Amino acid sequence: MIDACAADDHCTTCSDEGVAMRVIEAAEEGLAVCAGDDGAETTVMTALVGPVAEGDALLVHAGTAIARLEETAA
């Protein structure tokens, strides 16, 4: 079986890739405003990783935080 999300460093289903982002602001429950390396801010769903706080580093795929990252990764 081929893992569709492992091909060519992006998801072949949605063409999105996991991106390291930093929490700028914990918004309403299950949401946070995050920024990537380029400084662009976006709202991210955080239900899969639990509560987040300003400064947390997350791996984001398709607008959803899918993992917490080590502090040096984001």
C-alpha atoms as a PDB file:
ATOM      1  CA  MET A   1       0.000   0.000   0.000  1.00  0.00           C
ATOM      2  CA  ILE A   2       1.348   3.456  -0.914  1.00  0.00           C
ATOM      3  CA  ASP A   3       1.118   6.231   1.664  1.00  0.00           C
ATOM      4  CA  ALA A   4      -0.453   9.016  -0.416  1.00  0.00           C
ATOM      5  CA  CYS A   5       0.737  11.697   1.993  1.00  0.00           C
ATOM      6  CA  ALA A   6       4.404  10.657   1.690  1.00  0.00           C
ATOM      7  CA  ALA A   7       4.893  11.165  -2.049  1.00  0.00           C
ATOM      8  CA  ASP A   8       6.996  14.103  -3.268  1.00  0.00           C
ATOM      9  CA  ASP A   9       6.970  15.880   0.115  1.00  0.00           C
ATOM     10  CA  HIS A  10       3.291  16.773  -0.160  1.00  0.00           C
ATOM     11  CA  CYS A  11      -0.096  15.147   0.067  1.00  0.00           C
ATOM     12  CA  THR A  12      -1.150  13.793  -3.321  1.00  0.00           C
ATOM     13  CA  THR A  13      -4.792  14.033  -2.276  1.00  0.00           C
ATOM     14  CA  CYS A  14      -4.887  17.752  -1.530  1.00  0.00           C
ATOM     15  CA  SER A  15      -1.435  18.983  -2.735  1.00  0.00           C
ATOM     16  CA  ASP A  16      -0.820  20.538   0.677  1.00  0.00           C
ATOM     17  CA  GLU A  17       2.287  19.947   2.772  1.00  0.00           C
ATOM     18  CA  GLY A  18       3.035  20.035   6.469  1.00  0.00           C
ATOM     19  CA  VAL A  19       4.378  23.439   7.478  1.00  0.00           C
ATOM     20  CA  ALA A  20       6.038  24.441  10.735  1.00  0.00           C
ATOM     21  CA  MET A  21       4.144  27.363  12.279  1.00  0.00           C
ATOM     22  CA  ARG A  22       4.290  29.288  15.530  1.00  0.00           C
ATOM     23  CA  VAL A  23       1.191  30.202  17.590  1.00  0.00           C
ATOM     24  CA  ILE A  24       0.760  33.980  17.659  1.00  0.00           C
ATOM     25  CA  GLU A  25      -2.506  33.975  19.590  1.00  0.00           C
ATOM     26  CA  ALA A  26      -4.706  31.257  21.067  1.00  0.00           C
ATOM     27  CA  ALA A  27      -8.123  32.242  19.691  1.00  0.00           C
ATOM     28  CA  GLU A  28     -11.452  30.667  20.601  1.00  0.00           C
ATOM     29  CA  GLU A  29     -11.432  27.040  21.749  1.00  0.00           C
ATOM     30  CA  GLY A  30      -9.945  24.778  19.070  1.00  0.00           C
ATOM     31  CA  LEU A  31      -8.479  27.638  17.017  1.00  0.00           C
ATOM     32  CA  ALA A  32      -5.246  29.625  16.997  1.00  0.00           C
ATOM     33  CA  VAL A  33      -3.710  32.351  14.880  1.00  0.00           C
ATOM     34  CA  CYS A  34      -0.365  31.045  13.626  1.00  0.00           C
ATOM     35  CA  ALA A  35       2.474  32.383  11.483  1.00  0.00           C
ATOM     36  CA  GLY A  36       4.959  30.573   9.273  1.00  0.00           C
ATOM     37  CA  ASP A  37       8.550  31.490   8.447  1.00  0.00           C
ATOM     38  CA  ASP A  38       7.321  34.046   5.912  1.00  0.00           C
ATOM     39  CA  GLY A  39       5.332  35.888   8.616  1.00  0.00           C
ATOM     40  CA  ALA A  40       1.968  35.259   6.958  1.00  0.00           C
ATOM     41  CA  GLU A  41      -0.725  34.664   9.578  1.00  0.00           C
ATOM     42  CA  THR A  42      -3.560  32.157   9.305  1.00  0.00           C
ATOM     43  CA  THR A  43      -6.182  30.628  11.578  1.00  0.00           C
ATOM     44  CA  VAL A  44      -5.437  26.993  12.402  1.00  0.00           C
ATOM     45  CA  MET A  45      -7.659  24.300  13.945  1.00  0.00           C
ATOM     46  CA  THR A  46      -5.929  22.855  17.027  1.00  0.00           C
ATOM     47  CA  ALA A  47      -8.327  20.162  18.267  1.00  0.00           C
ATOM     48  CA  LEU A  48      -5.920  17.313  17.376  1.00  0.00           C
ATOM     49  CA  VAL A  49      -3.055  18.705  19.480  1.00  0.00           C
ATOM     50  CA  GLY A  50      -5.076  20.027  22.426  1.00  0.00           C
ATOM     51  CA  PRO A  51      -4.791  23.436  24.057  1.00  0.00           C
ATOM     52  CA  VAL A  52      -2.057  25.715  22.701  1.00  0.00           C
ATOM     53  CA  ALA A  53      -0.378  28.844  23.980  1.00  0.00           C
ATOM     54  CA  GLU A  54       1.441  31.764  22.369  1.00  0.00           C
ATOM     55  CA  GLY A  55       4.850  30.629  21.152  1.00  0.00           C
ATOM     56  CA  ASP A  56       3.997  26.931  20.699  1.00  0.00           C
ATOM     57  CA  ALA A  57       5.476  25.348  17.556  1.00  0.00           C
ATOM     58  CA  LEU A  58       3.072  23.227  15.491  1.00  0.00           C
ATOM     59  CA  LEU A  59       3.126  21.159  12.307  1.00  0.00           C
ATOM     60  CA  VAL A  60       0.159  22.337  10.221  1.00  0.00           C
ATOM     61  CA  HIS A  61      -1.389  20.446   7.294  1.00  0.00           C
ATOM     62  CA  ALA A  62      -4.440  21.704   5.404  1.00  0.00           C
ATOM     63  CA  GLY A  63      -5.241  24.301   8.079  1.00  0.00           C
ATOM     64  CA  THR A  64      -5.098  21.775  10.930  1.00  0.00           C
ATOM     65  CA  ALA A  65      -2.347  21.376  13.524  1.00  0.00           C
ATOM     66  CA  ILE A  66      -1.382  17.697  13.367  1.00  0.00           C
ATOM     67  CA  ALA A  67       1.584  17.646  15.788  1.00  0.00           C
ATOM     68  CA  ARG A  68       3.588  19.700  18.229  1.00  0.00           C
ATOM     69  CA  LEU A  69       7.178  20.416  17.212  1.00  0.00           C
ATOM     70  CA  GLU A  70      10.386  20.790  19.173  1.00  0.00           C
ATOM     71  CA  GLU A  71      11.112  24.446  19.876  1.00  0.00           C
ATOM     72  CA  THR A  72      13.956  24.537  17.326  1.00  0.00           C
ATOM     73  CA  ALA A  73      11.781  23.287  14.430  1.00  0.00           C
ATOM     74  CA  ALA A  74       9.546  26.334  13.868  1.00  0.00           C
END
